[in-house]
Amino acid sequence: LIHGGRLLSSYTLVPGNLGSRVWLVSEQNRSATTAIMPSE
């Protein structure tokens, strides 16, 4: 946030179920934010 760079958040949709985790990834230039599964 200070110096520029990619952002990664991770949210578990069902508590305790790691298979329900989704990541949100914002590109370094903030041109896009992608919802993606960790396995992808």
All heavy atoms as atom14 arrays in JSON, in Angstrom:
{
  "sequence": "LIHGGRLLSSYTLVPGNLGSRVWLVSEQNRSATTAIMPSE",
  "atom14_mask": [
    [1, 1, 1, 1, 1, 1, 1, 1, 0, 0, 0, 0, 0, 0],
    [1, 1, 1, 1, 1, 1, 1, 1, 0, 0, 0, 0, 0, 0],
    [1, 1, 1, 1, 1, 1, 1, 1, 1, 1, 0, 0, 0, 0],
    [1, 1, 1, 1, 0, 0, 0, 0, 0, 0, 0, 0, 0, 0],
    [1, 1, 1, 1, 0, 0, 0, 0, 0, 0, 0, 0, 0, 0],
    [1, 1, 1, 1, 1, 1, 1, 1, 1, 1, 1, 0, 0, 0],
    [1, 1, 1, 1, 1, 1, 1, 1, 0, 0, 0, 0, 0, 0],
    [1, 1, 1, 1, 1, 1, 1, 1, 0, 0, 0, 0, 0, 0],
    [1, 1, 1, 1, 1, 1, 0, 0, 0, 0, 0, 0, 0, 0],
    [1, 1, 1, 1, 1, 1, 0, 0, 0, 0, 0, 0, 0, 0],
    [1, 1, 1, 1, 1, 1, 1, 1, 1, 1, 1, 1, 0, 0],
    [1, 1, 1, 1, 1, 1, 1, 0, 0, 0, 0, 0, 0, 0],
    [1, 1, 1, 1, 1, 1, 1, 1, 0, 0, 0, 0, 0, 0],
    [1, 1, 1, 1, 1, 1, 1, 0, 0, 0, 0, 0, 0, 0],
    [1, 1, 1, 1, 1, 1, 1, 0, 0, 0, 0, 0, 0, 0],
    [1, 1, 1, 1, 0, 0, 0, 0, 0, 0, 0, 0, 0, 0],
    [1, 1, 1, 1, 1, 1, 1, 1, 0, 0, 0, 0, 0, 0],
    [1, 1, 1, 1, 1, 1, 1, 1, 0, 0, 0, 0, 0, 0],
    [1, 1, 1, 1, 0, 0, 0, 0, 0, 0, 0, 0, 0, 0],
    [1, 1, 1, 1, 1, 1, 0, 0, 0, 0, 0, 0, 0, 0],
    [1, 1, 1, 1, 1, 1, 1, 1, 1, 1, 1, 0, 0, 0],
    [1, 1, 1, 1, 1, 1, 1, 0, 0, 0, 0, 0, 0, 0],
    [1, 1, 1, 1, 1, 1, 1, 1, 1, 1, 1, 1, 1, 1],
    [1, 1, 1, 1, 1, 1, 1, 1, 0, 0, 0, 0, 0, 0],
    [1, 1, 1, 1, 1, 1, 1, 0, 0, 0, 0, 0, 0, 0],
    [1, 1, 1, 1, 1, 1, 0, 0, 0, 0, 0, 0, 0, 0],
    [1, 1, 1, 1, 1, 1, 1, 1, 1, 0, 0, 0, 0, 0],
    [1, 1, 1, 1, 1, 1, 1, 1, 1, 0, 0, 0, 0, 0],
    [1, 1, 1, 1, 1, 1, 1, 1, 0, 0, 0, 0, 0, 0],
    [1, 1, 1, 1, 1, 1, 1, 1, 1, 1, 1, 0, 0, 0],
    [1, 1, 1, 1, 1, 1, 0, 0, 0, 0, 0, 0, 0, 0],
    [1, 1, 1, 1, 1, 0, 0, 0, 0, 0, 0, 0, 0, 0],
    [1, 1, 1, 1, 1, 1, 1, 0, 0, 0, 0, 0, 0, 0],
    [1, 1, 1, 1, 1, 1, 1, 0, 0, 0, 0, 0, 0, 0],
    [1, 1, 1, 1, 1, 0, 0, 0, 0, 0, 0, 0, 0, 0],
    [1, 1, 1, 1, 1, 1, 1, 1, 0, 0, 0, 0, 0, 0],
    [1, 1, 1, 1, 1, 1, 1, 1, 0, 0, 0, 0, 0, 0],
    [1, 1, 1, 1, 1, 1, 1, 0, 0, 0, 0, 0, 0, 0],
    [1, 1, 1, 1, 1, 1, 0, 0, 0, 0, 0, 0, 0, 0],
    [1, 1, 1, 1, 1, 1, 1, 1, 1, 0, 0, 0, 0, 0]
  ],
  "atom14_positions": [
    [[0.82, -1.21, 0.0], [0.0, 0.0, 0.0], [0.86, 1.26, 0.0], [0.49, 2.26, -0.6], [-0.94, 0.02, 1.22], [-2.08, -0.99, 1.21], [-2.84, -0.93, 2.53], [-3.01, -0.73, 0.04], [0.0, 0.0, 0.0], [0.0, 0.0, 0.0], [0.0, 0.0, 0.0], [0.0, 0.0, 0.0], [0.0, 0.0, 0.0], [0.0, 0.0, 0.0]],
    [[2.0, 1.18, 0.65], [2.9, 2.34, 0.75], [3.77, 2.46, -0.49], [3.91, 3.54, -1.06], [3.79, 2.21, 2.01], [2.93, 2.23, 3.27], [4.85, 3.31, 2.05], [3.66, 1.79, 4.52], [0.0, 0.0, 0.0], [0.0, 0.0, 0.0], [0.0, 0.0, 0.0], [0.0, 0.0, 0.0], [0.0, 0.0, 0.0], [0.0, 0.0, 0.0]],
    [[4.35, 1.35, -0.92], [5.37, 1.38, -1.97], [4.9, 0.85, -3.31], [5.66, 0.87, -4.28], [6.59, 0.56, -1.52], [7.17, 1.02, -0.22], [7.82, 2.22, -0.07], [7.16, 0.43, 1.01], [8.2, 2.37, 1.19], [7.81, 1.29, 1.86], [0.0, 0.0, 0.0], [0.0, 0.0, 0.0], [0.0, 0.0, 0.0], [0.0, 0.0, 0.0]],
    [[3.69, 0.37, -3.37], [3.19, -0.25, -4.6], [3.52, -1.73, -4.6], [4.58, -2.14, -4.13], [0.0, 0.0, 0.0], [0.0, 0.0, 0.0], [0.0, 0.0, 0.0], [0.0, 0.0, 0.0], [0.0, 0.0, 0.0], [0.0, 0.0, 0.0], [0.0, 0.0, 0.0], [0.0, 0.0, 0.0], [0.0, 0.0, 0.0], [0.0, 0.0, 0.0]],
    [[2.62, -2.5, -5.05], [2.83, -3.94, -5.1], [1.5, -4.66, -5.11], [0.44, -4.06, -4.91], [0.0, 0.0, 0.0], [0.0, 0.0, 0.0], [0.0, 0.0, 0.0], [0.0, 0.0, 0.0], [0.0, 0.0, 0.0], [0.0, 0.0, 0.0], [0.0, 0.0, 0.0], [0.0, 0.0, 0.0], [0.0, 0.0, 0.0], [0.0, 0.0, 0.0]],
    [[1.56, -5.94, -5.33], [0.37, -6.78, -5.39], [-0.22, -6.94, -4.0], [0.5, -7.0, -3.0], [0.78, -8.14, -5.95], [-0.3, -9.17, -5.97], [0.32, -10.54, -5.96], [1.09, -10.7, -4.73], [0.96, -11.71, -3.9], [0.15, -12.69, -4.16], [1.68, -11.79, -2.8], [0.0, 0.0, 0.0], [0.0, 0.0, 0.0], [0.0, 0.0, 0.0]],
    [[-1.54, -7.01, -3.92], [-2.25, -7.24, -2.67], [-2.93, -8.59, -2.71], [-3.53, -8.96, -3.73], [-3.31, -6.15, -2.44], [-2.81, -4.72, -2.32], [-3.98, -3.76, -2.34], [-1.97, -4.55, -1.08], [0.0, 0.0, 0.0], [0.0, 0.0, 0.0], [0.0, 0.0, 0.0], [0.0, 0.0, 0.0], [0.0, 0.0, 0.0], [0.0, 0.0, 0.0]],
    [[-2.88, -9.33, -1.61], [-3.5, -10.64, -1.52], [-4.29, -10.74, -0.23], [-3.74, -10.54, 0.85], [-2.44, -11.74, -1.54], [-2.94, -13.15, -1.18], [-3.83, -13.7, -2.28], [-1.77, -14.08, -0.91], [0.0, 0.0, 0.0], [0.0, 0.0, 0.0], [0.0, 0.0, 0.0], [0.0, 0.0, 0.0], [0.0, 0.0, 0.0], [0.0, 0.0, 0.0]],
    [[-5.58, -11.01, -0.35], [-6.42, -11.31, 0.81], [-6.94, -12.73, 0.66], [-7.09, -13.23, -0.46], [-7.62, -10.36, 0.88], [-7.2, -9.05, 1.14], [0.0, 0.0, 0.0], [0.0, 0.0, 0.0], [0.0, 0.0, 0.0], [0.0, 0.0, 0.0], [0.0, 0.0, 0.0], [0.0, 0.0, 0.0], [0.0, 0.0, 0.0], [0.0, 0.0, 0.0]],
    [[-7.23, -13.36, 1.79], [-7.72, -14.73, 1.79], [-8.91, -14.81, 2.74], [-8.8, -14.41, 3.9], [-6.62, -15.69, 2.25], [-7.11, -17.01, 2.32], [0.0, 0.0, 0.0], [0.0, 0.0, 0.0], [0.0, 0.0, 0.0], [0.0, 0.0, 0.0], [0.0, 0.0, 0.0], [0.0, 0.0, 0.0], [0.0, 0.0, 0.0], [0.0, 0.0, 0.0]],
    [[-10.02, -15.33, 2.23], [-11.23, -15.42, 3.04], [-11.77, -16.85, 2.96], [-11.88, -17.41, 1.88], [-12.29, -14.44, 2.56], [-11.78, -13.03, 2.52], [-11.43, -12.43, 1.32], [-11.61, -12.29, 3.69], [-10.93, -11.14, 1.27], [-11.11, -11.0, 3.66], [-10.77, -10.43, 2.45], [-10.27, -9.15, 2.41], [0.0, 0.0, 0.0], [0.0, 0.0, 0.0]],
    [[-12.12, -17.39, 4.13], [-12.72, -18.72, 4.2], [-14.23, -18.54, 4.25], [-14.74, -17.89, 5.17], [-12.2, -19.48, 5.43], [-10.78, -19.52, 5.36], [-12.74, -20.89, 5.46], [0.0, 0.0, 0.0], [0.0, 0.0, 0.0], [0.0, 0.0, 0.0], [0.0, 0.0, 0.0], [0.0, 0.0, 0.0], [0.0, 0.0, 0.0], [0.0, 0.0, 0.0]],
    [[-14.92, -19.08, 3.27], [-16.37, -18.88, 3.15], [-17.14, -19.67, 4.2], [-18.2, -19.23, 4.65], [-16.83, -19.27, 1.74], [-16.13, -18.53, 0.6], [-16.62, -19.06, -0.74], [-16.34, -17.03, 0.71], [0.0, 0.0, 0.0], [0.0, 0.0, 0.0], [0.0, 0.0, 0.0], [0.0, 0.0, 0.0], [0.0, 0.0, 0.0], [0.0, 0.0, 0.0]],
    [[-16.63, -20.85, 4.58], [-17.25, -21.68, 5.6], [-16.2, -21.89, 6.69], [-15.18, -22.53, 6.44], [-17.7, -23.05, 5.02], [-18.3, -23.92, 6.12], [-18.67, -22.86, 3.87], [0.0, 0.0, 0.0], [0.0, 0.0, 0.0], [0.0, 0.0, 0.0], [0.0, 0.0, 0.0], [0.0, 0.0, 0.0], [0.0, 0.0, 0.0], [0.0, 0.0, 0.0]],
    [[-16.43, -21.33, 7.88], [-15.44, -21.46, 8.95], [-15.01, -22.92, 9.16], [-15.84, -23.82, 9.21], [-16.17, -20.92, 10.19], [-17.19, -19.97, 9.63], [-17.62, -20.6, 8.31], [0.0, 0.0, 0.0], [0.0, 0.0, 0.0], [0.0, 0.0, 0.0], [0.0, 0.0, 0.0], [0.0, 0.0, 0.0], [0.0, 0.0, 0.0], [0.0, 0.0, 0.0]],
    [[-13.69, -23.12, 9.22], [-13.14, -24.45, 9.44], [-12.98, -25.3, 8.19], [-12.39, -26.35, 8.24], [0.0, 0.0, 0.0], [0.0, 0.0, 0.0], [0.0, 0.0, 0.0], [0.0, 0.0, 0.0], [0.0, 0.0, 0.0], [0.0, 0.0, 0.0], [0.0, 0.0, 0.0], [0.0, 0.0, 0.0], [0.0, 0.0, 0.0], [0.0, 0.0, 0.0]],
    [[-13.49, -24.81, 7.05], [-13.4, -25.56, 5.8], [-12.4, -24.87, 4.87], [-12.76, -23.94, 4.14], [-14.79, -25.64, 5.14], [-14.78, -26.4, 3.83], [-13.73, -26.74, 3.29], [-15.96, -26.67, 3.31], [0.0, 0.0, 0.0], [0.0, 0.0, 0.0], [0.0, 0.0, 0.0], [0.0, 0.0, 0.0], [0.0, 0.0, 0.0], [0.0, 0.0, 0.0]],
    [[-11.14, -25.33, 4.92], [-10.11, -24.69, 4.1], [-10.38, -24.83, 2.61], [-9.87, -24.06, 1.81], [-8.74, -25.23, 4.45], [-8.26, -24.95, 5.87], [-6.88, -25.54, 6.1], [-8.29, -23.48, 6.19], [0.0, 0.0, 0.0], [0.0, 0.0, 0.0], [0.0, 0.0, 0.0], [0.0, 0.0, 0.0], [0.0, 0.0, 0.0], [0.0, 0.0, 0.0]],
    [[-11.19, -25.8, 2.22], [-11.56, -25.97, 0.82], [-12.51, -24.89, 0.33], [-12.79, -24.81, -0.85], [0.0, 0.0, 0.0], [0.0, 0.0, 0.0], [0.0, 0.0, 0.0], [0.0, 0.0, 0.0], [0.0, 0.0, 0.0], [0.0, 0.0, 0.0], [0.0, 0.0, 0.0], [0.0, 0.0, 0.0], [0.0, 0.0, 0.0], [0.0, 0.0, 0.0]],
    [[-13.0, -24.06, 1.24], [-13.91, -22.98, 0.85], [-13.2, -21.63, 0.83], [-13.83, -20.58, 0.87], [-15.1, -22.92, 1.82], [-14.7, -22.44, 3.09], [0.0, 0.0, 0.0], [0.0, 0.0, 0.0], [0.0, 0.0, 0.0], [0.0, 0.0, 0.0], [0.0, 0.0, 0.0], [0.0, 0.0, 0.0], [0.0, 0.0, 0.0], [0.0, 0.0, 0.0]],
    [[-11.89, -21.67, 0.72], [-11.09, -20.44, 0.74], [-11.05, -19.81, -0.65], [-10.85, -20.48, -1.65], [-9.69, -20.75, 1.22], [-8.84, -19.51, 1.42], [-7.57, -19.83, 2.12], [-7.89, -20.07, 3.52], [-7.04, -20.55, 4.4], [-5.82, -20.87, 4.05], [-7.4, -20.73, 5.65], [0.0, 0.0, 0.0], [0.0, 0.0, 0.0], [0.0, 0.0, 0.0]],
    [[-11.24, -18.49, -0.68], [-11.12, -17.72, -1.91], [-10.11, -16.6, -1.66], [-10.06, -16.03, -0.57], [-12.49, -17.17, -2.39], [-13.08, -16.17, -1.41], [-12.39, -16.56, -3.78], [0.0, 0.0, 0.0], [0.0, 0.0, 0.0], [0.0, 0.0, 0.0], [0.0, 0.0, 0.0], [0.0, 0.0, 0.0], [0.0, 0.0, 0.0], [0.0, 0.0, 0.0]],
    [[-9.3, -16.34, -2.65], [-8.34, -15.23, -2.57], [-8.84, -14.07, -3.42], [-9.45, -14.28, -4.47], [-6.98, -15.66, -3.12], [-6.19, -16.56, -2.23], [-6.48, -16.98, -0.97], [-4.94, -17.16, -2.57], [-5.5, -17.8, -0.49], [-4.54, -17.93, -1.46], [-4.14, -17.13, -3.69], [-3.35, -18.65, -1.44], [-2.95, -17.85, -3.68], [-2.56, -18.59, -2.56]],
    [[-8.54, -12.87, -2.96], [-8.7, -11.66, -3.77], [-7.31, -11.1, -4.01], [-6.56, -10.87, -3.06], [-9.58, -10.63, -3.06], [-11.03, -11.06, -2.81], [-11.79, -9.97, -2.07], [-11.73, -11.41, -4.1], [0.0, 0.0, 0.0], [0.0, 0.0, 0.0], [0.0, 0.0, 0.0], [0.0, 0.0, 0.0], [0.0, 0.0, 0.0], [0.0, 0.0, 0.0]],
    [[-6.97, -10.92, -5.27], [-5.63, -10.46, -5.65], [-5.77, -9.19, -6.48], [-6.42, -9.2, -7.53], [-4.88, -11.54, -6.47], [-3.5, -11.03, -6.86], [-4.8, -12.85, -5.7], [0.0, 0.0, 0.0], [0.0, 0.0, 0.0], [0.0, 0.0, 0.0], [0.0, 0.0, 0.0], [0.0, 0.0, 0.0], [0.0, 0.0, 0.0], [0.0, 0.0, 0.0]],
    [[-5.19, -8.1, -5.96], [-5.16, -6.84, -6.72], [-3.79, -6.7, -7.37], [-2.76, -6.87, -6.7], [-5.41, -5.64, -5.81], [-6.74, -5.64, -5.35], [0.0, 0.0, 0.0], [0.0, 0.0, 0.0], [0.0, 0.0, 0.0], [0.0, 0.0, 0.0], [0.0, 0.0, 0.0], [0.0, 0.0, 0.0], [0.0, 0.0, 0.0], [0.0, 0.0, 0.0]],
    [[-3.81, -6.39, -8.65], [-2.55, -6.24, -9.39], [-1.76, -5.06, -8.85], [-2.31, -4.12, -8.27], [-2.85, -6.03, -10.88], [-3.57, -7.19, -11.53], [-2.78, -8.49, -11.48], [-1.55, -8.46, -11.57], [-3.43, -9.54, -11.34], [0.0, 0.0, 0.0], [0.0, 0.0, 0.0], [0.0, 0.0, 0.0], [0.0, 0.0, 0.0], [0.0, 0.0, 0.0]],
    [[-0.46, -5.09, -9.08], [0.44, -4.05, -8.59], [-0.01, -2.67, -9.04], [0.02, -1.72, -8.26], [1.86, -4.33, -9.09], [2.86, -3.29, -8.63], [4.28, -3.65, -9.03], [4.53, -4.71, -9.56], [5.19, -2.76, -8.75], [0.0, 0.0, 0.0], [0.0, 0.0, 0.0], [0.0, 0.0, 0.0], [0.0, 0.0, 0.0], [0.0, 0.0, 0.0]],
    [[-0.48, -2.55, -10.28], [-0.89, -1.24, -10.8], [-2.36, -0.94, -10.51], [-2.9, 0.06, -10.97], [-0.62, -1.14, -12.3], [-1.42, -2.13, -13.12], [-2.26, -2.87, -12.6], [-1.17, -2.17, -14.41], [0.0, 0.0, 0.0], [0.0, 0.0, 0.0], [0.0, 0.0, 0.0], [0.0, 0.0, 0.0], [0.0, 0.0, 0.0], [0.0, 0.0, 0.0]],
    [[-3.02, -1.83, -9.77], [-4.43, -1.7, -9.36], [-5.38, -1.67, -10.55], [-6.48, -1.16, -10.48], [-4.66, -0.5, -8.46], [-3.76, -0.39, -7.24], [-3.92, -1.57, -6.29], [-3.13, -1.36, -5.09], [-1.96, -1.91, -4.87], [-1.43, -2.74, -5.75], [-1.29, -1.68, -3.76], [0.0, 0.0, 0.0], [0.0, 0.0, 0.0], [0.0, 0.0, 0.0]],
    [[-4.97, -2.25, -11.66], [-5.82, -2.29, -12.85], [-6.93, -3.33, -12.73], [-7.95, -3.22, -13.4], [-4.99, -2.59, -14.1], [-4.38, -3.88, -13.99], [0.0, 0.0, 0.0], [0.0, 0.0, 0.0], [0.0, 0.0, 0.0], [0.0, 0.0, 0.0], [0.0, 0.0, 0.0], [0.0, 0.0, 0.0], [0.0, 0.0, 0.0], [0.0, 0.0, 0.0]],
    [[-6.73, -4.33, -11.86], [-7.73, -5.39, -11.71], [-7.58, -6.05, -10.35], [-6.49, -6.1, -9.78], [-7.57, -6.44, -12.8], [0.0, 0.0, 0.0], [0.0, 0.0, 0.0], [0.0, 0.0, 0.0], [0.0, 0.0, 0.0], [0.0, 0.0, 0.0], [0.0, 0.0, 0.0], [0.0, 0.0, 0.0], [0.0, 0.0, 0.0], [0.0, 0.0, 0.0]],
    [[-8.7, -6.55, -9.87], [-8.73, -7.41, -8.68], [-9.45, -8.68, -9.08], [-10.55, -8.62, -9.64], [-9.43, -6.71, -7.5], [-8.67, -5.55, -7.14], [-9.55, -7.64, -6.31], [0.0, 0.0, 0.0], [0.0, 0.0, 0.0], [0.0, 0.0, 0.0], [0.0, 0.0, 0.0], [0.0, 0.0, 0.0], [0.0, 0.0, 0.0], [0.0, 0.0, 0.0]],
    [[-8.83, -9.8, -8.79], [-9.34, -11.1, -9.22], [-9.72, -11.96, -8.02], [-8.93, -12.09, -7.08], [-8.27, -11.84, -10.04], [-7.87, -11.03, -11.14], [-8.78, -13.18, -10.56], [0.0, 0.0, 0.0], [0.0, 0.0, 0.0], [0.0, 0.0, 0.0], [0.0, 0.0, 0.0], [0.0, 0.0, 0.0], [0.0, 0.0, 0.0], [0.0, 0.0, 0.0]],
    [[-10.91, -12.53, -8.07], [-11.3, -13.58, -7.13], [-10.81, -14.89, -7.72], [-11.1, -15.21, -8.89], [-12.8, -13.6, -6.92], [0.0, 0.0, 0.0], [0.0, 0.0, 0.0], [0.0, 0.0, 0.0], [0.0, 0.0, 0.0], [0.0, 0.0, 0.0], [0.0, 0.0, 0.0], [0.0, 0.0, 0.0], [0.0, 0.0, 0.0], [0.0, 0.0, 0.0]],
    [[-10.05, -15.64, -6.95], [-9.4, -16.85, -7.45], [-9.29, -17.87, -6.33], [-9.13, -17.49, -5.16], [-8.02, -16.49, -8.05], [-7.36, -17.67, -8.73], [-7.1, -15.87, -7.0], [-6.11, -17.3, -9.52], [0.0, 0.0, 0.0], [0.0, 0.0, 0.0], [0.0, 0.0, 0.0], [0.0, 0.0, 0.0], [0.0, 0.0, 0.0], [0.0, 0.0, 0.0]],
    [[-9.36, -19.13, -6.68], [-9.1, -20.18, -5.7], [-7.58, -20.33, -5.54], [-6.84, -20.18, -6.53], [-9.71, -21.5, -6.17], [-11.22, -21.5, -6.2], [-11.88, -23.07, -6.78], [-11.24, -24.2, -5.54], [0.0, 0.0, 0.0], [0.0, 0.0, 0.0], [0.0, 0.0, 0.0], [0.0, 0.0, 0.0], [0.0, 0.0, 0.0], [0.0, 0.0, 0.0]],
    [[-7.11, -20.63, -4.34], [-5.66, -20.81, -4.16], [-5.07, -21.82, -5.14], [-3.95, -21.62, -5.62], [-5.55, -21.29, -2.71], [-6.74, -20.72, -2.04], [-7.83, -20.75, -3.07], [0.0, 0.0, 0.0], [0.0, 0.0, 0.0], [0.0, 0.0, 0.0], [0.0, 0.0, 0.0], [0.0, 0.0, 0.0], [0.0, 0.0, 0.0], [0.0, 0.0, 0.0]],
    [[-5.8, -22.87, -5.44], [-5.28, -23.9, -6.34], [-5.13, -23.41, -7.78], [-4.45, -24.03, -8.59], [-6.17, -25.14, -6.32], [-7.48, -24.8, -6.78], [0.0, 0.0, 0.0], [0.0, 0.0, 0.0], [0.0, 0.0, 0.0], [0.0, 0.0, 0.0], [0.0, 0.0, 0.0], [0.0, 0.0, 0.0], [0.0, 0.0, 0.0], [0.0, 0.0, 0.0]],
    [[-5.76, -22.29, -8.12], [-5.67, -21.74, -9.47], [-4.55, -20.72, -9.61], [-4.27, -20.27, -10.71], [-6.99, -21.04, -9.84], [-8.18, -21.95, -9.92], [-9.44, -21.19, -10.24], [-9.81, -20.28, -9.46], [-10.05, -21.49, -11.29], [0.0, 0.0, 0.0], [0.0, 0.0, 0.0], [0.0, 0.0, 0.0], [0.0, 0.0, 0.0], [0.0, 0.0, 0.0]]
  ]
}
